[in-house]
N, C-alpha and C. Protein backbone atom coordinates (compact mmCIF):
# COMPACT_ATOMS: atom_id res chain seq x y z
N UNK A 1 113.24 -45.59 47.82
CA UNK A 1 112.09 -46.24 47.23
C UNK A 1 112.55 -47.35 46.30
N UNK A 2 111.74 -48.40 46.23
CA UNK A 2 112.07 -49.48 45.29
C UNK A 2 111.60 -49.12 43.90
N UNK A 3 112.12 -49.83 42.90
CA UNK A 3 111.72 -49.57 41.52
C UNK A 3 110.24 -49.77 41.31
N UNK A 4 109.64 -50.78 41.98
CA UNK A 4 108.22 -51.03 41.77
C UNK A 4 107.38 -49.86 42.27
N UNK A 5 107.81 -49.20 43.34
CA UNK A 5 107.08 -48.04 43.84
C UNK A 5 107.22 -46.88 42.86
N UNK A 6 108.42 -46.65 42.33
CA UNK A 6 108.62 -45.57 41.37
C UNK A 6 107.77 -45.78 40.12
N UNK A 7 107.64 -47.01 39.67
CA UNK A 7 106.86 -47.30 38.47
C UNK A 7 105.38 -47.05 38.69
N UNK A 8 104.93 -47.10 39.93
CA UNK A 8 103.51 -46.92 40.23
C UNK A 8 103.18 -45.45 40.47
N UNK A 9 104.10 -44.56 40.19
CA UNK A 9 103.89 -43.13 40.42
C UNK A 9 103.99 -42.36 39.11
N UNK A 10 103.22 -41.30 39.00
CA UNK A 10 103.27 -40.44 37.82
C UNK A 10 104.40 -39.44 38.03
N UNK A 11 105.34 -39.44 37.11
CA UNK A 11 106.51 -38.57 37.18
C UNK A 11 107.20 -38.65 38.54
N UNK A 12 107.24 -39.86 39.10
CA UNK A 12 107.89 -40.13 40.39
C UNK A 12 107.39 -39.21 41.50
N UNK A 13 106.14 -38.76 41.40
CA UNK A 13 105.61 -37.81 42.37
C UNK A 13 104.41 -38.34 43.13
N UNK A 14 103.44 -38.90 42.43
CA UNK A 14 102.21 -39.27 43.09
C UNK A 14 101.69 -40.60 42.55
N UNK A 15 101.11 -41.39 43.44
CA UNK A 15 100.45 -42.61 43.00
C UNK A 15 99.29 -42.25 42.09
N UNK A 16 99.12 -43.01 41.02
CA UNK A 16 98.12 -42.68 40.00
C UNK A 16 96.74 -42.49 40.60
N UNK A 17 96.30 -43.40 41.45
CA UNK A 17 94.94 -43.30 41.97
C UNK A 17 94.77 -42.11 42.89
N UNK A 18 95.82 -41.65 43.51
CA UNK A 18 95.70 -40.51 44.41
C UNK A 18 95.80 -39.18 43.66
N UNK A 19 96.18 -39.23 42.39
CA UNK A 19 96.34 -38.01 41.61
C UNK A 19 95.09 -37.58 40.87
N UNK A 20 94.08 -38.43 40.82
CA UNK A 20 92.86 -38.09 40.10
C UNK A 20 92.12 -37.01 40.87
N UNK A 21 91.95 -35.87 40.28
CA UNK A 21 91.22 -34.78 40.93
C UNK A 21 92.12 -33.75 41.58
N UNK A 22 93.40 -34.01 41.71
CA UNK A 22 94.33 -33.03 42.29
C UNK A 22 94.87 -32.18 41.14
N UNK A 23 94.05 -31.25 40.65
CA UNK A 23 94.34 -30.49 39.43
C UNK A 23 95.56 -29.58 39.54
N UNK A 24 95.89 -29.13 40.73
CA UNK A 24 96.99 -28.17 40.89
C UNK A 24 98.31 -28.82 41.27
N UNK A 25 98.36 -30.12 41.29
CA UNK A 25 99.57 -30.81 41.71
C UNK A 25 100.69 -30.64 40.68
N UNK A 26 101.88 -30.34 41.18
CA UNK A 26 103.06 -30.20 40.31
C UNK A 26 104.10 -31.24 40.71
N UNK A 27 104.96 -31.60 39.74
CA UNK A 27 106.10 -32.45 40.01
C UNK A 27 106.96 -31.73 41.03
N UNK A 28 107.47 -32.48 42.01
CA UNK A 28 108.29 -31.90 43.06
C UNK A 28 109.43 -31.05 42.49
N UNK A 29 109.59 -29.85 43.00
CA UNK A 29 110.65 -28.91 42.60
C UNK A 29 110.61 -28.56 41.11
N UNK A 30 109.41 -28.39 40.55
CA UNK A 30 109.30 -28.02 39.15
C UNK A 30 108.01 -27.25 38.91
N UNK A 31 107.83 -26.81 37.68
CA UNK A 31 106.58 -26.16 37.28
C UNK A 31 105.78 -27.06 36.34
N UNK A 32 106.04 -28.34 36.37
CA UNK A 32 105.33 -29.28 35.51
C UNK A 32 104.08 -29.76 36.24
N UNK A 33 102.92 -29.49 35.65
CA UNK A 33 101.66 -29.95 36.23
C UNK A 33 101.45 -31.43 35.91
N UNK A 34 100.93 -32.16 36.88
CA UNK A 34 100.69 -33.59 36.74
C UNK A 34 99.43 -33.87 35.92
N UNK A 35 98.43 -33.00 35.99
CA UNK A 35 97.13 -33.28 35.41
C UNK A 35 97.17 -33.75 33.94
N UNK A 36 98.01 -33.22 33.08
CA UNK A 36 98.00 -33.72 31.69
C UNK A 36 98.39 -35.19 31.56
N UNK A 37 99.01 -35.74 32.61
CA UNK A 37 99.47 -37.12 32.56
C UNK A 37 98.47 -38.10 33.17
N UNK A 38 97.38 -37.59 33.73
CA UNK A 38 96.37 -38.41 34.37
C UNK A 38 95.05 -38.27 33.64
N UNK A 39 94.23 -39.28 33.76
CA UNK A 39 92.90 -39.22 33.18
C UNK A 39 91.90 -39.79 34.17
N UNK A 40 90.73 -39.18 34.22
CA UNK A 40 89.69 -39.72 35.09
C UNK A 40 88.84 -40.74 34.33
N UNK A 41 89.20 -41.00 33.08
CA UNK A 41 88.47 -41.97 32.25
C UNK A 41 89.20 -43.32 32.34
N UNK A 42 88.61 -44.29 33.02
CA UNK A 42 89.30 -45.58 33.17
C UNK A 42 89.31 -46.36 31.87
N UNK A 43 90.30 -47.23 31.74
CA UNK A 43 90.32 -48.17 30.62
C UNK A 43 89.36 -49.29 30.98
N UNK A 44 88.42 -49.57 30.12
CA UNK A 44 87.41 -50.59 30.39
C UNK A 44 87.48 -51.66 29.30
N UNK A 45 87.52 -52.89 29.74
CA UNK A 45 87.47 -54.01 28.79
C UNK A 45 86.28 -54.87 29.17
N UNK A 46 85.48 -55.20 28.18
CA UNK A 46 84.30 -56.02 28.41
C UNK A 46 84.62 -57.45 28.01
N UNK A 47 84.34 -58.36 28.91
CA UNK A 47 84.54 -59.78 28.66
C UNK A 47 83.17 -60.45 28.79
N UNK A 48 82.58 -60.85 27.68
CA UNK A 48 81.22 -61.43 27.72
C UNK A 48 81.23 -62.85 28.28
N UNK A 49 80.95 -62.99 29.55
CA UNK A 49 81.01 -64.28 30.23
C UNK A 49 80.14 -65.34 29.57
N UNK A 50 78.97 -64.94 29.13
CA UNK A 50 78.02 -65.93 28.62
C UNK A 50 78.44 -66.53 27.28
N UNK A 51 79.43 -65.96 26.62
CA UNK A 51 79.88 -66.48 25.33
C UNK A 51 80.91 -67.61 25.47
N UNK A 52 81.36 -67.86 26.68
CA UNK A 52 82.42 -68.85 26.90
C UNK A 52 82.01 -69.82 27.99
N UNK A 53 82.51 -71.04 27.89
CA UNK A 53 82.31 -72.02 28.95
C UNK A 53 83.47 -71.90 29.93
N UNK A 54 83.15 -71.80 31.20
CA UNK A 54 84.18 -71.68 32.22
C UNK A 54 84.06 -72.83 33.21
N UNK A 55 85.21 -73.30 33.64
CA UNK A 55 85.26 -74.35 34.64
C UNK A 55 85.46 -73.77 36.02
N UNK A 56 85.54 -74.66 37.00
CA UNK A 56 85.68 -74.25 38.40
C UNK A 56 87.00 -73.54 38.69
N UNK A 57 88.00 -73.73 37.83
CA UNK A 57 89.31 -73.11 38.05
C UNK A 57 89.50 -71.80 37.28
N UNK A 58 88.49 -71.38 36.52
CA UNK A 58 88.57 -70.12 35.78
C UNK A 58 88.10 -68.99 36.68
N UNK A 59 89.02 -68.06 36.98
CA UNK A 59 88.71 -66.99 37.93
C UNK A 59 89.21 -65.64 37.42
N UNK A 60 88.62 -64.61 37.95
CA UNK A 60 89.12 -63.24 37.80
C UNK A 60 89.81 -62.90 39.10
N UNK A 61 91.04 -62.41 39.03
CA UNK A 61 91.77 -62.00 40.23
C UNK A 61 91.66 -60.49 40.34
N UNK A 62 91.04 -60.03 41.41
CA UNK A 62 90.91 -58.61 41.69
C UNK A 62 91.77 -58.32 42.90
N UNK A 63 92.81 -57.50 42.72
CA UNK A 63 93.73 -57.25 43.82
C UNK A 63 94.17 -55.80 43.86
N UNK A 64 94.53 -55.35 45.03
CA UNK A 64 95.04 -53.99 45.20
C UNK A 64 96.51 -53.92 44.80
N UNK A 65 97.05 -52.72 44.78
CA UNK A 65 98.43 -52.55 44.33
C UNK A 65 99.43 -53.25 45.23
N UNK A 66 99.05 -53.59 46.46
CA UNK A 66 99.94 -54.36 47.32
C UNK A 66 100.28 -55.72 46.74
N UNK A 67 99.39 -56.26 45.95
CA UNK A 67 99.63 -57.52 45.24
C UNK A 67 100.43 -57.26 43.97
N UNK A 68 99.93 -56.34 43.14
CA UNK A 68 100.49 -56.14 41.79
C UNK A 68 101.83 -55.42 41.81
N UNK A 69 102.17 -54.73 42.89
CA UNK A 69 103.48 -54.07 42.96
C UNK A 69 104.63 -55.07 43.05
N UNK A 70 104.35 -56.27 43.58
CA UNK A 70 105.44 -57.21 43.79
C UNK A 70 105.31 -58.51 43.00
N UNK A 71 104.10 -58.84 42.53
CA UNK A 71 103.91 -60.06 41.75
C UNK A 71 103.43 -59.72 40.35
N UNK A 72 103.96 -60.41 39.38
CA UNK A 72 103.56 -60.18 37.98
C UNK A 72 102.26 -60.92 37.68
N UNK A 73 101.64 -60.59 36.57
CA UNK A 73 100.45 -61.32 36.13
C UNK A 73 100.76 -62.81 36.03
N UNK A 74 101.91 -63.13 35.46
CA UNK A 74 102.31 -64.53 35.28
C UNK A 74 102.47 -65.24 36.62
N UNK A 75 103.12 -64.59 37.58
CA UNK A 75 103.31 -65.19 38.90
C UNK A 75 101.97 -65.44 39.58
N UNK A 76 101.05 -64.50 39.47
CA UNK A 76 99.72 -64.66 40.07
C UNK A 76 98.97 -65.79 39.39
N UNK A 77 99.01 -65.83 38.06
CA UNK A 77 98.31 -66.88 37.32
C UNK A 77 98.86 -68.26 37.70
N UNK A 78 100.16 -68.39 37.77
CA UNK A 78 100.76 -69.68 38.13
C UNK A 78 100.42 -70.08 39.56
N UNK A 79 100.42 -69.12 40.47
CA UNK A 79 100.08 -69.42 41.87
C UNK A 79 98.64 -69.88 42.00
N UNK A 80 97.72 -69.17 41.35
CA UNK A 80 96.30 -69.53 41.43
C UNK A 80 96.05 -70.88 40.76
N UNK A 81 96.62 -71.08 39.59
CA UNK A 81 96.44 -72.35 38.87
C UNK A 81 96.95 -73.52 39.72
N UNK A 82 98.14 -73.37 40.28
CA UNK A 82 98.70 -74.42 41.12
C UNK A 82 97.90 -74.67 42.38
N UNK A 83 97.44 -73.60 43.01
CA UNK A 83 96.67 -73.75 44.25
C UNK A 83 95.35 -74.44 43.98
N UNK A 84 94.60 -73.96 42.99
CA UNK A 84 93.28 -74.53 42.71
C UNK A 84 93.38 -75.98 42.23
N UNK A 85 94.46 -76.32 41.53
CA UNK A 85 94.64 -77.70 41.06
C UNK A 85 94.79 -78.68 42.22
N UNK A 86 95.23 -78.18 43.36
CA UNK A 86 95.43 -79.03 44.54
C UNK A 86 94.27 -78.98 45.52
N UNK A 87 93.16 -78.37 45.12
CA UNK A 87 91.98 -78.28 45.98
C UNK A 87 90.86 -79.14 45.43
N UNK A 88 90.02 -79.61 46.32
CA UNK A 88 88.80 -80.31 45.92
C UNK A 88 87.88 -79.31 45.24
N UNK A 89 87.46 -79.56 43.99
CA UNK A 89 86.60 -78.62 43.27
C UNK A 89 85.28 -78.33 43.99
N UNK A 90 84.87 -79.21 44.91
CA UNK A 90 83.63 -78.99 45.66
C UNK A 90 83.84 -78.20 46.94
N UNK A 91 85.09 -77.90 47.27
CA UNK A 91 85.38 -77.13 48.49
C UNK A 91 84.96 -75.69 48.29
N UNK A 92 83.94 -75.26 49.03
CA UNK A 92 83.42 -73.92 48.84
C UNK A 92 84.36 -72.82 49.35
N UNK A 93 85.43 -73.20 50.03
CA UNK A 93 86.39 -72.22 50.56
C UNK A 93 87.64 -72.10 49.70
N UNK A 94 87.71 -72.83 48.60
CA UNK A 94 88.94 -72.90 47.80
C UNK A 94 89.34 -71.54 47.24
N UNK A 95 88.38 -70.71 46.85
CA UNK A 95 88.70 -69.39 46.29
C UNK A 95 89.23 -68.45 47.38
N UNK A 96 88.63 -68.54 48.56
CA UNK A 96 89.11 -67.73 49.69
C UNK A 96 90.52 -68.14 50.08
N UNK A 97 90.76 -69.44 50.12
CA UNK A 97 92.10 -69.92 50.48
C UNK A 97 93.13 -69.54 49.42
N UNK A 98 92.75 -69.58 48.15
CA UNK A 98 93.68 -69.17 47.09
C UNK A 98 93.98 -67.68 47.18
N UNK A 99 92.98 -66.88 47.52
CA UNK A 99 93.20 -65.44 47.69
C UNK A 99 94.14 -65.19 48.87
N UNK A 100 93.94 -65.93 49.97
CA UNK A 100 94.82 -65.80 51.12
C UNK A 100 96.25 -66.21 50.77
N UNK A 101 96.39 -67.23 49.95
CA UNK A 101 97.71 -67.66 49.51
C UNK A 101 98.41 -66.54 48.72
N UNK A 102 97.67 -65.85 47.87
CA UNK A 102 98.25 -64.73 47.11
C UNK A 102 98.68 -63.60 48.04
N UNK A 103 97.87 -63.32 49.05
CA UNK A 103 98.25 -62.27 50.02
C UNK A 103 99.55 -62.65 50.70
N UNK A 104 99.67 -63.90 51.12
CA UNK A 104 100.89 -64.33 51.80
C UNK A 104 102.10 -64.31 50.86
N UNK A 105 101.89 -64.66 49.61
CA UNK A 105 102.99 -64.59 48.63
C UNK A 105 103.47 -63.16 48.44
N UNK A 106 102.52 -62.23 48.38
CA UNK A 106 102.88 -60.82 48.17
C UNK A 106 103.54 -60.21 49.41
N UNK A 107 103.10 -60.61 50.60
CA UNK A 107 103.69 -60.11 51.84
C UNK A 107 105.07 -60.71 52.02
N UNK A 108 105.20 -62.01 51.79
CA UNK A 108 106.48 -62.68 51.94
C UNK A 108 106.74 -63.16 53.35
N UNK A 109 107.99 -63.47 53.60
CA UNK A 109 108.42 -63.97 54.91
C UNK A 109 109.39 -62.97 55.52
N UNK A 110 109.34 -62.84 56.82
CA UNK A 110 110.25 -61.95 57.51
C UNK A 110 111.65 -62.57 57.53
N UNK A 111 112.60 -61.83 56.95
CA UNK A 111 113.98 -62.32 56.86
C UNK A 111 114.91 -61.14 57.07
N UNK A 112 115.74 -61.23 58.08
CA UNK A 112 116.69 -60.14 58.39
C UNK A 112 115.99 -58.79 58.49
N UNK A 113 114.91 -58.75 59.22
CA UNK A 113 114.14 -57.53 59.51
C UNK A 113 113.48 -56.89 58.30
N UNK A 114 113.26 -57.65 57.22
CA UNK A 114 112.49 -57.15 56.08
C UNK A 114 111.69 -58.30 55.50
N UNK A 115 110.59 -57.96 54.86
CA UNK A 115 109.72 -58.97 54.25
C UNK A 115 110.25 -59.31 52.87
N UNK A 116 110.44 -60.61 52.62
CA UNK A 116 111.02 -61.06 51.35
C UNK A 116 110.10 -62.08 50.68
N UNK A 117 110.00 -61.96 49.33
CA UNK A 117 109.25 -62.93 48.55
C UNK A 117 110.24 -63.75 47.73
N UNK A 118 109.74 -64.58 46.84
CA UNK A 118 110.61 -65.45 46.05
C UNK A 118 111.69 -64.65 45.34
N UNK A 119 112.83 -65.26 45.16
CA UNK A 119 113.95 -64.59 44.51
C UNK A 119 114.59 -63.54 45.40
N UNK A 120 114.32 -63.59 46.70
CA UNK A 120 114.84 -62.64 47.69
C UNK A 120 114.46 -61.20 47.38
N UNK A 121 113.34 -61.02 46.65
CA UNK A 121 112.83 -59.67 46.37
C UNK A 121 112.07 -59.16 47.59
N UNK A 122 111.95 -57.84 47.69
CA UNK A 122 111.19 -57.25 48.78
C UNK A 122 109.71 -57.61 48.65
N UNK A 123 109.10 -57.95 49.77
CA UNK A 123 107.66 -58.18 49.80
C UNK A 123 106.94 -56.84 49.82
N UNK A 124 105.64 -56.89 49.72
CA UNK A 124 104.85 -55.67 49.69
C UNK A 124 104.78 -55.04 51.07
N UNK A 125 104.98 -53.75 51.11
CA UNK A 125 104.80 -52.98 52.35
C UNK A 125 103.47 -52.25 52.34
N UNK A 126 102.68 -52.49 51.33
CA UNK A 126 101.39 -51.82 51.15
C UNK A 126 100.27 -52.73 51.63
N UNK A 127 99.07 -52.18 51.72
CA UNK A 127 97.90 -53.00 52.02
C UNK A 127 97.72 -53.99 50.87
N UNK A 128 97.30 -55.20 51.20
CA UNK A 128 97.08 -56.23 50.18
C UNK A 128 95.68 -56.79 50.36
N UNK A 129 94.84 -56.58 49.36
CA UNK A 129 93.52 -57.20 49.33
C UNK A 129 93.39 -57.97 48.02
N UNK A 130 92.87 -59.18 48.10
CA UNK A 130 92.73 -60.03 46.92
C UNK A 130 91.38 -60.73 46.96
N UNK A 131 90.71 -60.73 45.82
CA UNK A 131 89.46 -61.46 45.63
C UNK A 131 89.63 -62.37 44.42
N UNK A 132 89.18 -63.59 44.53
CA UNK A 132 89.10 -64.48 43.38
C UNK A 132 87.63 -64.66 43.06
N UNK A 133 87.26 -64.31 41.86
CA UNK A 133 85.87 -64.35 41.44
C UNK A 133 85.72 -65.46 40.41
N UNK A 134 85.00 -66.54 40.78
CA UNK A 134 84.82 -67.64 39.82
C UNK A 134 83.97 -67.20 38.64
N UNK A 135 84.43 -67.55 37.44
CA UNK A 135 83.74 -67.13 36.22
C UNK A 135 82.66 -68.11 35.79
N UNK A 136 82.65 -69.31 36.35
CA UNK A 136 81.72 -70.32 35.88
C UNK A 136 80.26 -69.94 36.10
N UNK A 137 80.00 -69.03 37.03
CA UNK A 137 78.62 -68.63 37.29
C UNK A 137 78.10 -67.67 36.21
N UNK A 138 78.98 -67.16 35.38
CA UNK A 138 78.58 -66.32 34.26
C UNK A 138 77.96 -67.13 33.14
N UNK A 139 78.10 -68.44 33.21
CA UNK A 139 77.54 -69.33 32.18
C UNK A 139 76.04 -69.58 32.39
N UNK A 140 75.55 -69.29 33.56
CA UNK A 140 74.16 -69.61 33.87
C UNK A 140 73.25 -68.42 33.61
N UNK A 141 72.08 -68.71 33.14
CA UNK A 141 71.07 -67.67 32.91
C UNK A 141 70.11 -67.66 34.08
N UNK A 142 69.75 -66.47 34.56
CA UNK A 142 68.82 -66.39 35.68
C UNK A 142 67.49 -65.85 35.23
């Protein structure tokens, strides 16, 4: 397993999202129960859209672990910023294309029978779903 996969697991045993509700799960070859290390209460942060002015390039990136396991917040932000800066702001497909670009960055290129991303790091072997949600529509009152 790669380090990024180990970091996404609780006590190197189970993926966090798959451990919610598995109350009897123990760390492999031990008597340590996983449940005390998991919570069904998500961390929630509220961002009041209507209090801020947002432009066409201000987006929320919603992605599955296939994206976040291999790309950092900074790498994603730089990729989206660069991509959107090179698109016509009136192009209604720009957010979809930027999301597709992130998927391709996370998957990488096939090189010597493995998927590689920048810096010759392993690409994601997981499912990758990405949505870019423009924030500028939060400025309007309906």
